[in-house]
Amino acid sequence: MTTIGLLNPGEMGSMVGAAVRSGGARVLWAGEGRSAATRKRASDAGLEDAGSVAAVARASDVILSVCPPHAAVDLAKEVAALRFAGTYVDGNAVSPATAREICGIVEKGGATFVDGGIIGPPPVKPGSTRFYVSGSGAERIAKLLTAGPLEAIVVPGGAGAASAVKMAYASWTKGSSALLLAVCAMASAEGVEDSLVREWKISQPDLSARAEGAAKSNAKKAWRFIGEMEEIAATFAAAGLLTLATAAGYRVNVAGIAGWMNSGNDVADTFGNGTVFGAQADILVRSGAGADGH
């Protein structure tokens, strides 16, 4: 039986762990210092608490990193410092350059690196979620991760290839939502929202519903997207396609929604009247986006 150390069981990670466990693997996690909510998710997923990250590293054949993008490098450094010599799979939404940085860190510590990128929601329903992997050992890891409702797909290439697939996909799904919400905010700021809605009804009849849906679906989880949008920006900049300053505009609304929700606002109340314009302008003002783009 393969033992997998899962770091960490958030909403996505816990369901990935449950899926892999259903395929026959033993899945450990590090509960030391974690919240009651995280402990409940891990317990519900059937994960075994090994206590510390060091204990997980000692007992695991494979370590699977599923965490917010901003924490991915530091987590890799923590594991590398423990001289983990198994296979380290980074499943985070990071740029190819960040993936290659993580590769260097864990390989220096003695591990084999497999790059990864998850597309889809937490794997509960078959066919909904794909875990792309690349690099040395990707075929073996793909077989291990294809379990329950989760499907793993090998991407040709080394470290960075799977992350590039994730960045390309997410740049459209998250970037288009953020851009659409920014359009709503600009129209509201200029007082032309009614005219824009009328034009949308003629030429783009689905956009009002898409804007409202983007606001509702992203509001409560938008804090997780800030780091991901920064990684997307870095990916485009590295390819010479978009400057970091321009790409930062795509994440303005993501950061703004997060701040607005953290202030205790109820997105259902705000968007229940079928319009996102006034609320979106308020989001941008509250986030300070108009002043510095952050």
C-alpha atoms as a PDB file:
ATOM      1  CA  MET A   1       0.000   0.000   0.000  1.00  0.00           C
ATOM      2  CA  THR A   2       1.310   3.447  -0.954  1.00  0.00           C
ATOM      3  CA  THR A   3       1.311   6.043   1.808  1.00  0.00           C
ATOM      4  CA  ILE A   4       0.552   9.601   0.722  1.00  0.00           C
ATOM      5  CA  GLY A   5       1.141  12.631   2.896  1.00  0.00           C
ATOM      6  CA  LEU A   6      -1.427  15.329   2.074  1.00  0.00           C
ATOM      7  CA  LEU A   7      -0.473  18.924   2.798  1.00  0.00           C
ATOM      8  CA  ASN A   8      -3.074  20.280   3.395  1.00  0.00           C
ATOM      9  CA  PRO A   9      -6.734  19.192   3.653  1.00  0.00           C
ATOM     10  CA  GLY A  10      -8.567  22.355   2.678  1.00  0.00           C
ATOM     11  CA  GLU A  11     -11.765  22.164   0.628  1.00  0.00           C
ATOM     12  CA  MET A  12      -9.890  20.874  -2.407  1.00  0.00           C
ATOM     13  CA  GLY A  13      -7.158  18.916  -0.648  1.00  0.00           C
ATOM     14  CA  SER A  14      -9.488  16.964   1.614  1.00  0.00           C
ATOM     15  CA  MET A  15     -11.557  15.740  -1.334  1.00  0.00           C
ATOM     16  CA  VAL A  16      -8.440  14.863  -3.331  1.00  0.00           C
ATOM     17  CA  GLY A  17      -7.283  12.885  -0.307  1.00  0.00           C
ATOM     18  CA  ALA A  18     -10.621  11.119  -0.019  1.00  0.00           C
ATOM     19  CA  ALA A  19     -10.555  10.212  -3.709  1.00  0.00           C
ATOM     20  CA  VAL A  20      -7.030   8.798  -3.553  1.00  0.00           C
ATOM     21  CA  ARG A  21      -7.875   6.922  -0.356  1.00  0.00           C
ATOM     22  CA  SER A  22     -10.807   5.288  -2.155  1.00  0.00           C
ATOM     23  CA  GLY A  23      -8.267   3.843  -4.588  1.00  0.00           C
ATOM     24  CA  GLY A  24      -6.506   1.966  -1.811  1.00  0.00           C
ATOM     25  CA  ALA A  25      -3.797   4.392  -0.685  1.00  0.00           C
ATOM     26  CA  ARG A  26      -3.173   5.341   2.919  1.00  0.00           C
ATOM     27  CA  VAL A  27      -3.466   9.123   3.292  1.00  0.00           C
ATOM     28  CA  LEU A  28      -1.842  11.036   6.156  1.00  0.00           C
ATOM     29  CA  TRP A  29      -2.047  14.691   7.121  1.00  0.00           C
ATOM     30  CA  ALA A  30      -0.451  16.955   9.736  1.00  0.00           C
ATOM     31  CA  GLY A  31      -3.021  18.138  12.264  1.00  0.00           C
ATOM     32  CA  GLU A  32      -0.610  19.965  14.543  1.00  0.00           C
ATOM     33  CA  GLY A  33      -1.779  23.563  14.998  1.00  0.00           C
ATOM     34  CA  ARG A  34      -4.653  23.239  12.545  1.00  0.00           C
ATOM     35  CA  SER A  35      -8.170  24.545  13.070  1.00  0.00           C
ATOM     36  CA  ALA A  36     -11.217  22.594  14.168  1.00  0.00           C
ATOM     37  CA  ALA A  37     -12.740  23.098  10.708  1.00  0.00           C
ATOM     38  CA  THR A  38      -9.682  21.577   9.033  1.00  0.00           C
ATOM     39  CA  ARG A  39      -9.694  18.683  11.474  1.00  0.00           C
ATOM     40  CA  LYS A  40     -13.342  17.985  10.672  1.00  0.00           C
ATOM     41  CA  ARG A  41     -12.692  18.041   6.912  1.00  0.00           C
ATOM     42  CA  ALA A  42      -9.799  15.624   7.309  1.00  0.00           C
ATOM     43  CA  SER A  43     -11.804  13.327   9.552  1.00  0.00           C
ATOM     44  CA  ASP A  44     -14.783  13.336   7.209  1.00  0.00           C
ATOM     45  CA  ALA A  45     -12.442  12.430   4.340  1.00  0.00           C
ATOM     46  CA  GLY A  46     -11.007   9.486   6.285  1.00  0.00           C
ATOM     47  CA  LEU A  47      -7.487  10.916   6.522  1.00  0.00           C
ATOM     48  CA  GLU A  48      -5.096   9.813   9.277  1.00  0.00           C
ATOM     49  CA  ASP A  49      -3.575  12.497  11.490  1.00  0.00           C
ATOM     50  CA  ALA A  50       0.172  11.891  11.805  1.00  0.00           C
ATOM     51  CA  GLY A  51       0.614  14.981  13.962  1.00  0.00           C
ATOM     52  CA  SER A  52       3.454  17.011  12.468  1.00  0.00           C
ATOM     53  CA  VAL A  53       4.744  17.668   8.964  1.00  0.00           C
ATOM     54  CA  ALA A  54       7.946  15.900  10.015  1.00  0.00           C
ATOM     55  CA  ALA A  55       5.970  12.795  10.967  1.00  0.00           C
ATOM     56  CA  VAL A  56       4.125  12.885   7.661  1.00  0.00           C
ATOM     57  CA  ALA A  57       7.402  13.168   5.752  1.00  0.00           C
ATOM     58  CA  ARG A  58       8.938  10.225   7.629  1.00  0.00           C
ATOM     59  CA  ALA A  59       5.983   7.925   6.958  1.00  0.00           C
ATOM     60  CA  SER A  60       5.101   8.872   3.364  1.00  0.00           C
ATOM     61  CA  ASP A  61       6.165   7.529  -0.009  1.00  0.00           C
ATOM     62  CA  VAL A  62       4.561  10.486  -1.754  1.00  0.00           C
ATOM     63  CA  ILE A  63       3.835  13.995  -0.485  1.00  0.00           C
ATOM     64  CA  LEU A  64       1.006  15.802  -2.206  1.00  0.00           C
ATOM     65  CA  SER A  65       0.993  19.570  -1.753  1.00  0.00           C
ATOM     66  CA  VAL A  66      -2.424  21.196  -2.197  1.00  0.00           C
ATOM     67  CA  CYS A  67      -2.387  24.643  -0.626  1.00  0.00           C
ATOM     68  CA  PRO A  68      -2.946  28.327  -1.525  1.00  0.00           C
ATOM     69  CA  PRO A  69      -0.414  29.409  -4.177  1.00  0.00           C
ATOM     70  CA  HIS A  70       1.318  31.906  -1.911  1.00  0.00           C
ATOM     71  CA  ALA A  71       2.241  29.091   0.507  1.00  0.00           C
ATOM     72  CA  ALA A  72       3.528  26.586  -2.064  1.00  0.00           C
ATOM     73  CA  VAL A  73       7.218  27.561  -2.037  1.00  0.00           C
ATOM     74  CA  ASP A  74       7.453  27.784   1.756  1.00  0.00           C
ATOM     75  CA  LEU A  75       5.784  24.389   2.143  1.00  0.00           C
ATOM     76  CA  ALA A  76       8.261  22.858  -0.298  1.00  0.00           C
ATOM     77  CA  LYS A  77      11.139  24.372   1.684  1.00  0.00           C
ATOM     78  CA  GLU A  78       9.732  22.942   4.911  1.00  0.00           C
ATOM     79  CA  VAL A  79       9.524  19.447   3.438  1.00  0.00           C
ATOM     80  CA  ALA A  80      12.946  19.690   1.759  1.00  0.00           C
ATOM     81  CA  ALA A  81      14.514  20.671   5.084  1.00  0.00           C
ATOM     82  CA  LEU A  82      13.249  17.345   6.446  1.00  0.00           C
ATOM     83  CA  ARG A  83      15.260  15.526   3.729  1.00  0.00           C
ATOM     84  CA  PHE A  84      12.177  13.857   2.320  1.00  0.00           C
ATOM     85  CA  ALA A  85      13.425  11.388  -0.313  1.00  0.00           C
ATOM     86  CA  GLY A  86      10.164  10.189  -1.851  1.00  0.00           C
ATOM     87  CA  THR A  87       8.101  11.814  -4.604  1.00  0.00           C
ATOM     88  CA  TYR A  88       6.898  15.375  -4.044  1.00  0.00           C
ATOM     89  CA  VAL A  89       3.814  16.312  -6.085  1.00  0.00           C
ATOM     90  CA  ASP A  90       2.986  20.005  -6.209  1.00  0.00           C
ATOM     91  CA  GLY A  91      -0.683  20.357  -7.148  1.00  0.00           C
ATOM     92  CA  ASN A  92      -0.939  24.095  -6.653  1.00  0.00           C
ATOM     93  CA  ALA A  93      -2.037  26.903  -8.956  1.00  0.00           C
ATOM     94  CA  VAL A  94       1.408  28.320  -9.632  1.00  0.00           C
ATOM     95  CA  SER A  95       3.261  29.558 -12.688  1.00  0.00           C
ATOM     96  CA  PRO A  96       5.645  27.280 -14.591  1.00  0.00           C
ATOM     97  CA  ALA A  97       8.530  29.326 -13.183  1.00  0.00           C
ATOM     98  CA  THR A  98       7.310  28.807  -9.614  1.00  0.00           C
ATOM     99  CA  ALA A  99       6.850  25.091 -10.326  1.00  0.00           C
ATOM    100  CA  ARG A 100      10.442  24.868 -11.523  1.00  0.00           C
ATOM    101  CA  GLU A 101      11.594  26.767  -8.422  1.00  0.00           C
ATOM    102  CA  ILE A 102       9.774  24.245  -6.230  1.00  0.00           C
ATOM    103  CA  CYS A 103      11.326  21.430  -8.268  1.00  0.00           C
ATOM    104  CA  GLY A 104      14.787  22.739  -7.494  1.00  0.00           C
ATOM    105  CA  ILE A 105      14.000  23.061  -3.801  1.00  0.00           C
ATOM    106  CA  VAL A 106      12.665  19.540  -3.277  1.00  0.00           C
ATOM    107  CA  GLU A 107      15.232  17.862  -5.520  1.00  0.00           C
ATOM    108  CA  LYS A 108      18.014  19.529  -3.559  1.00  0.00           C
ATOM    109  CA  GLY A 109      16.438  17.995  -0.455  1.00  0.00           C
ATOM    110  CA  GLY A 110      16.549  14.530  -2.021  1.00  0.00           C
ATOM    111  CA  ALA A 111      13.029  14.097  -3.449  1.00  0.00           C
ATOM    112  CA  THR A 112      11.748  13.398  -6.943  1.00  0.00           C
ATOM    113  CA  PHE A 113       9.487  16.169  -8.238  1.00  0.00           C
ATOM    114  CA  VAL A 114       6.229  15.850 -10.150  1.00  0.00           C
ATOM    115  CA  ASP A 115       4.505  19.008 -11.315  1.00  0.00           C
ATOM    116  CA  GLY A 116       0.716  19.174 -11.020  1.00  0.00           C
ATOM    117  CA  GLY A 117      -2.324  21.326 -11.664  1.00  0.00           C
ATOM    118  CA  ILE A 118      -5.936  20.702 -10.677  1.00  0.00           C
ATOM    119  CA  ILE A 119      -8.795  21.774 -12.933  1.00  0.00           C
ATOM    120  CA  GLY A 120     -12.359  21.560 -11.690  1.00  0.00           C
ATOM    121  CA  PRO A 121     -14.104  21.624  -8.303  1.00  0.00           C
ATOM    122  CA  PRO A 122     -13.227  19.412  -5.327  1.00  0.00           C
ATOM    123  CA  PRO A 123     -13.612  15.871  -6.727  1.00  0.00           C
ATOM    124  CA  VAL A 124     -16.958  14.521  -5.605  1.00  0.00           C
ATOM    125  CA  LYS A 125     -18.695  13.803  -8.901  1.00  0.00           C
ATOM    126  CA  PRO A 126     -16.980  11.574 -11.511  1.00  0.00           C
ATOM    127  CA  GLY A 127     -15.860  13.478 -14.584  1.00  0.00           C
ATOM    128  CA  SER A 128     -15.706  16.850 -12.830  1.00  0.00           C
ATOM    129  CA  THR A 129     -12.060  17.125 -11.791  1.00  0.00           C
ATOM    130  CA  ARG A 130      -8.750  16.452 -13.510  1.00  0.00           C
ATOM    131  CA  PHE A 131      -5.307  16.411 -11.929  1.00  0.00           C
ATOM    132  CA  TYR A 132      -2.713  17.168 -14.627  1.00  0.00           C
ATOM    133  CA  VAL A 133       0.831  15.942 -13.913  1.00  0.00           C
ATOM    134  CA  SER A 134       4.185  16.206 -15.669  1.00  0.00           C
ATOM    135  CA  GLY A 135       7.818  15.347 -15.149  1.00  0.00           C
ATOM    136  CA  SER A 136       9.800  12.292 -14.130  1.00  0.00           C
ATOM    137  CA  GLY A 137       7.517   9.746 -12.506  1.00  0.00           C
ATOM    138  CA  ALA A 138       4.333  11.406 -13.766  1.00  0.00           C
ATOM    139  CA  GLU A 139       2.966   8.174 -15.228  1.00  0.00           C
ATOM    140  CA  ARG A 140       3.234   6.385 -11.885  1.00  0.00           C
ATOM    141  CA  ILE A 141       1.675   9.297 -10.015  1.00  0.00           C
ATOM    142  CA  ALA A 142      -1.157   9.530 -12.540  1.00  0.00           C
ATOM    143  CA  LYS A 143      -2.049   5.903 -11.864  1.00  0.00           C
ATOM    144  CA  LEU A 144      -2.011   6.573  -8.133  1.00  0.00           C
ATOM    145  CA  LEU A 145      -4.169   9.704  -8.379  1.00  0.00           C
ATOM    146  CA  THR A 146      -6.748   8.258 -10.751  1.00  0.00           C
ATOM    147  CA  ALA A 147      -9.144   7.011  -8.118  1.00  0.00           C
ATOM    148  CA  GLY A 148     -12.796   7.496  -7.247  1.00  0.00           C
ATOM    149  CA  PRO A 149     -14.095  10.658  -8.921  1.00  0.00           C
ATOM    150  CA  LEU A 150     -10.588  12.012  -9.626  1.00  0.00           C
ATOM    151  CA  GLU A 151      -8.871  11.585 -12.997  1.00  0.00           C
ATOM    152  CA  ALA A 152      -5.147  12.211 -13.499  1.00  0.00           C
ATOM    153  CA  ILE A 153      -3.751  13.105 -16.919  1.00  0.00           C
ATOM    154  CA  VAL A 154      -0.071  13.154 -17.930  1.00  0.00           C
ATOM    155  CA  VAL A 155       1.145  16.257 -19.766  1.00  0.00           C
ATOM    156  CA  PRO A 156       4.230  15.767 -21.958  1.00  0.00           C
ATOM    157  CA  GLY A 157       7.198  17.732 -20.678  1.00  0.00           C
ATOM    158  CA  GLY A 158       9.016  18.318 -17.428  1.00  0.00           C
ATOM    159  CA  ALA A 159       8.477  20.560 -14.427  1.00  0.00           C
ATOM    160  CA  GLY A 160       6.228  23.445 -15.378  1.00  0.00           C
ATOM    161  CA  ALA A 161       4.219  21.715 -18.104  1.00  0.00           C
ATOM    162  CA  ALA A 162       1.259  20.721 -15.917  1.00  0.00           C
ATOM    163  CA  SER A 163       1.315  24.128 -14.246  1.00  0.00           C
ATOM    164  CA  ALA A 164       1.235  25.792 -17.671  1.00  0.00           C
ATOM    165  CA  VAL A 165      -1.992  23.913 -18.493  1.00  0.00           C
ATOM    166  CA  LYS A 166      -3.503  25.107 -15.220  1.00  0.00           C
ATOM    167  CA  MET A 167      -2.390  28.707 -15.772  1.00  0.00           C
ATOM    168  CA  ALA A 168      -3.734  28.787 -19.327  1.00  0.00           C
ATOM    169  CA  TYR A 169      -7.089  27.387 -18.245  1.00  0.00           C
ATOM    170  CA  ALA A 170      -7.454  29.573 -15.148  1.00  0.00           C
ATOM    171  CA  SER A 171      -6.391  32.734 -16.977  1.00  0.00           C
ATOM    172  CA  TRP A 172      -9.604  32.426 -18.979  1.00  0.00           C
ATOM    173  CA  THR A 173     -12.012  31.229 -16.279  1.00  0.00           C
ATOM    174  CA  LYS A 174     -10.899  33.620 -13.556  1.00  0.00           C
ATOM    175  CA  GLY A 175      -9.563  36.393 -15.776  1.00  0.00           C
ATOM    176  CA  SER A 176     -12.740  36.671 -17.844  1.00  0.00           C
ATOM    177  CA  SER A 177     -14.872  36.804 -14.699  1.00  0.00           C
ATOM    178  CA  ALA A 178     -12.718  39.521 -13.168  1.00  0.00           C
ATOM    179  CA  LEU A 179     -12.710  41.528 -16.393  1.00  0.00           C
ATOM    180  CA  LEU A 180     -16.498  41.282 -16.725  1.00  0.00           C
ATOM    181  CA  LEU A 181     -16.966  42.521 -13.159  1.00  0.00           C
ATOM    182  CA  ALA A 182     -14.546  45.380 -13.829  1.00  0.00           C
ATOM    183  CA  VAL A 183     -16.677  46.365 -16.841  1.00  0.00           C
ATOM    184  CA  CYS A 184     -19.725  46.499 -14.565  1.00  0.00           C
ATOM    185  CA  ALA A 185     -17.885  48.677 -12.068  1.00  0.00           C
ATOM    186  CA  MET A 186     -16.670  51.097 -14.742  1.00  0.00           C
ATOM    187  CA  ALA A 187     -20.164  51.445 -16.224  1.00  0.00           C
ATOM    188  CA  SER A 188     -21.565  52.138 -12.766  1.00  0.00           C
ATOM    189  CA  ALA A 189     -18.872  54.718 -12.030  1.00  0.00           C
ATOM    190  CA  GLU A 190     -19.760  56.540 -15.259  1.00  0.00           C
ATOM    191  CA  GLY A 191     -23.520  56.236 -14.685  1.00  0.00           C
ATOM    192  CA  VAL A 192     -24.214  54.295 -17.896  1.00  0.00           C
ATOM    193  CA  GLU A 193     -25.146  50.890 -16.449  1.00  0.00           C
ATOM    194  CA  ASP A 194     -28.742  51.030 -17.719  1.00  0.00           C
ATOM    195  CA  SER A 195     -27.603  51.842 -21.241  1.00  0.00           C
ATOM    196  CA  LEU A 196     -25.029  49.059 -21.166  1.00  0.00           C
ATOM    197  CA  VAL A 197     -27.599  46.520 -19.961  1.00  0.00           C
ATOM    198  CA  ARG A 198     -29.955  47.507 -22.779  1.00  0.00           C
ATOM    199  CA  GLU A 199     -27.142  47.025 -25.319  1.00  0.00           C
ATOM    200  CA  TRP A 200     -26.240  43.685 -23.774  1.00  0.00           C
ATOM    201  CA  LYS A 201     -29.840  42.541 -24.160  1.00  0.00           C
ATOM    202  CA  ILE A 202     -29.586  43.285 -27.891  1.00  0.00           C
ATOM    203  CA  SER A 203     -26.118  42.019 -28.730  1.00  0.00           C
ATOM    204  CA  GLN A 204     -24.821  39.990 -25.740  1.00  0.00           C
ATOM    205  CA  PRO A 205     -27.932  38.680 -23.967  1.00  0.00           C
ATOM    206  CA  ASP A 206     -26.050  36.326 -21.646  1.00  0.00           C
ATOM    207  CA  LEU A 207     -23.623  38.850 -20.125  1.00  0.00           C
ATOM    208  CA  SER A 208     -25.836  40.242 -17.343  1.00  0.00           C
ATOM    209  CA  ALA A 209     -26.478  36.743 -16.009  1.00  0.00           C
ATOM    210  CA  ARG A 210     -22.793  35.840 -16.395  1.00  0.00           C
ATOM    211  CA  ALA A 211     -21.713  38.913 -14.433  1.00  0.00           C
ATOM    212  CA  GLU A 212     -24.156  38.183 -11.632  1.00  0.00           C
ATOM    213  CA  GLY A 213     -23.103  34.543 -11.596  1.00  0.00           C
ATOM    214  CA  ALA A 214     -19.412  35.483 -11.466  1.00  0.00           C
ATOM    215  CA  ALA A 215     -19.999  37.722  -8.469  1.00  0.00           C
ATOM    216  CA  LYS A 216     -22.091  35.179  -6.587  1.00  0.00           C
ATOM    217  CA  SER A 217     -19.869  32.176  -7.249  1.00  0.00           C
ATOM    218  CA  ASN A 218     -16.559  33.882  -6.491  1.00  0.00           C
ATOM    219  CA  ALA A 219     -17.356  36.147  -3.560  1.00  0.00           C
ATOM    220  CA  LYS A 220     -16.849  33.765  -0.639  1.00  0.00           C
ATOM    221  CA  LYS A 221     -13.753  32.065  -2.065  1.00  0.00           C
ATOM    222  CA  ALA A 222     -12.162  35.019  -3.852  1.00  0.00           C
ATOM    223  CA  TRP A 223      -9.386  35.401  -1.263  1.00  0.00           C
ATOM    224  CA  ARG A 224      -7.876  32.187  -2.616  1.00  0.00           C
ATOM    225  CA  PHE A 225      -7.691  33.606  -6.129  1.00  0.00           C
ATOM    226  CA  ILE A 226      -5.429  36.579  -5.396  1.00  0.00           C
ATOM    227  CA  GLY A 227      -2.226  34.544  -5.338  1.00  0.00           C
ATOM    228  CA  GLU A 228      -3.397  32.519  -8.328  1.00  0.00           C
ATOM    229  CA  MET A 229      -4.057  35.657 -10.386  1.00  0.00           C
ATOM    230  CA  GLU A 230      -0.574  36.892  -9.511  1.00  0.00           C
ATOM    231  CA  GLU A 231       0.868  33.580 -10.720  1.00  0.00           C
ATOM    232  CA  ILE A 232      -1.151  33.917 -13.943  1.00  0.00           C
ATOM    233  CA  ALA A 233       0.221  37.427 -14.402  1.00  0.00           C
ATOM    234  CA  ALA A 234       3.757  36.135 -13.935  1.00  0.00           C
ATOM    235  CA  THR A 235       3.129  33.378 -16.478  1.00  0.00           C
ATOM    236  CA  PHE A 236       2.010  35.831 -19.150  1.00  0.00           C
ATOM    237  CA  ALA A 237       4.860  38.213 -18.340  1.00  0.00           C
ATOM    238  CA  ALA A 238       7.426  35.407 -18.649  1.00  0.00           C
ATOM    239  CA  ALA A 239       6.023  34.562 -22.079  1.00  0.00           C
ATOM    240  CA  GLY A 240       6.334  38.206 -23.145  1.00  0.00           C
ATOM    241  CA  LEU A 241       2.587  38.464 -23.678  1.00  0.00           C
ATOM    242  CA  LEU A 242       1.427  40.758 -20.920  1.00  0.00           C
ATOM    243  CA  THR A 243       3.111  43.079 -18.478  1.00  0.00           C
ATOM    244  CA  LEU A 244       2.688  42.489 -14.772  1.00  0.00           C
ATOM    245  CA  ALA A 245       1.079  45.904 -14.401  1.00  0.00           C
ATOM    246  CA  THR A 246      -1.593  45.103 -16.981  1.00  0.00           C
ATOM    247  CA  ALA A 247      -2.175  41.609 -15.651  1.00  0.00           C
ATOM    248  CA  ALA A 248      -2.689  43.030 -12.166  1.00  0.00           C
ATOM    249  CA  GLY A 249      -5.887  44.574 -13.494  1.00  0.00           C
ATOM    250  CA  TYR A 250      -7.399  41.133 -13.911  1.00  0.00           C
ATOM    251  CA  ARG A 251      -7.136  40.488 -10.180  1.00  0.00           C
ATOM    252  CA  VAL A 252      -8.507  43.819  -8.941  1.00  0.00           C
ATOM    253  CA  ASN A 253     -12.042  42.518  -8.672  1.00  0.00           C
ATOM    254  CA  VAL A 254     -10.958  39.231  -7.155  1.00  0.00           C
ATOM    255  CA  ALA A 255      -9.158  41.048  -4.365  1.00  0.00           C
ATOM    256  CA  GLY A 256     -11.989  43.552  -4.020  1.00  0.00           C
ATOM    257  CA  ILE A 257     -14.703  40.927  -3.675  1.00  0.00           C
ATOM    258  CA  ALA A 258     -12.660  39.159  -1.022  1.00  0.00           C
ATOM    259  CA  GLY A 259     -12.251  42.324   1.017  1.00  0.00           C
ATOM    260  CA  TRP A 260     -15.887  43.210   0.614  1.00  0.00           C
ATOM    261  CA  MET A 261     -17.073  39.790   1.761  1.00  0.00           C
ATOM    262  CA  ASN A 262     -14.668  39.875   4.700  1.00  0.00           C
ATOM    263  CA  SER A 263     -16.429  43.069   5.796  1.00  0.00           C
ATOM    264  CA  GLY A 264     -19.549  40.986   6.448  1.00  0.00           C
ATOM    265  CA  ASN A 265     -21.570  41.775   3.321  1.00  0.00           C
ATOM    266  CA  ASP A 266     -24.049  39.253   1.976  1.00  0.00           C
ATOM    267  CA  VAL A 267     -23.616  38.734  -1.736  1.00  0.00           C
ATOM    268  CA  ALA A 268     -27.107  37.266  -2.075  1.00  0.00           C
ATOM    269  CA  ASP A 269     -28.645  40.454  -0.682  1.00  0.00           C
ATOM    270  CA  THR A 270     -26.561  42.687  -2.899  1.00  0.00           C
ATOM    271  CA  PHE A 271     -27.078  40.805  -6.142  1.00  0.00           C
ATOM    272  CA  GLY A 272     -30.620  39.598  -5.513  1.00  0.00           C
ATOM    273  CA  ASN A 273     -32.058  42.391  -7.637  1.00  0.00           C
ATOM    274  CA  GLY A 274     -30.331  41.039 -10.737  1.00  0.00           C
ATOM    275  CA  THR A 275     -27.644  43.705 -11.128  1.00  0.00           C
ATOM    276  CA  VAL A 276     -23.981  43.784 -10.162  1.00  0.00           C
ATOM    277  CA  PHE A 277     -23.185  47.354 -11.137  1.00  0.00           C
ATOM    278  CA  GLY A 278     -23.552  49.390  -7.959  1.00  0.00           C
ATOM    279  CA  ALA A 279     -22.229  46.614  -5.766  1.00  0.00           C
ATOM    280  CA  GLN A 280     -19.204  46.086  -7.960  1.00  0.00           C
ATOM    281  CA  ALA A 281     -18.322  49.781  -7.870  1.00  0.00           C
ATOM    282  CA  ASP A 282     -18.593  49.640  -4.089  1.00  0.00           C
ATOM    283  CA  ILE A 283     -16.315  46.593  -4.023  1.00  0.00           C
ATOM    284  CA  LEU A 284     -13.600  48.416  -5.938  1.00  0.00           C
ATOM    285  CA  VAL A 285     -13.824  51.522  -3.755  1.00  0.00           C
ATOM    286  CA  ARG A 286     -13.649  49.454  -0.545  1.00  0.00           C
ATOM    287  CA  SER A 287     -10.607  47.557  -1.841  1.00  0.00           C
ATOM    288  CA  GLY A 288      -8.739  50.746  -2.761  1.00  0.00           C
ATOM    289  CA  ALA A 289      -8.367  49.469  -6.307  1.00  0.00           C
ATOM    290  CA  GLY A 290      -9.034  52.865  -7.790  1.00  0.00           C
ATOM    291  CA  ALA A 291      -5.938  54.248  -6.114  1.00  0.00           C
ATOM    292  CA  ASP A 292      -3.194  51.718  -6.661  1.00  0.00           C
ATOM    293  CA  GLY A 293      -4.559  48.660  -8.490  1.00  0.00           C
ATOM    294  CA  HIS A 294      -4.045  46.254  -5.571  1.00  0.00           C
END
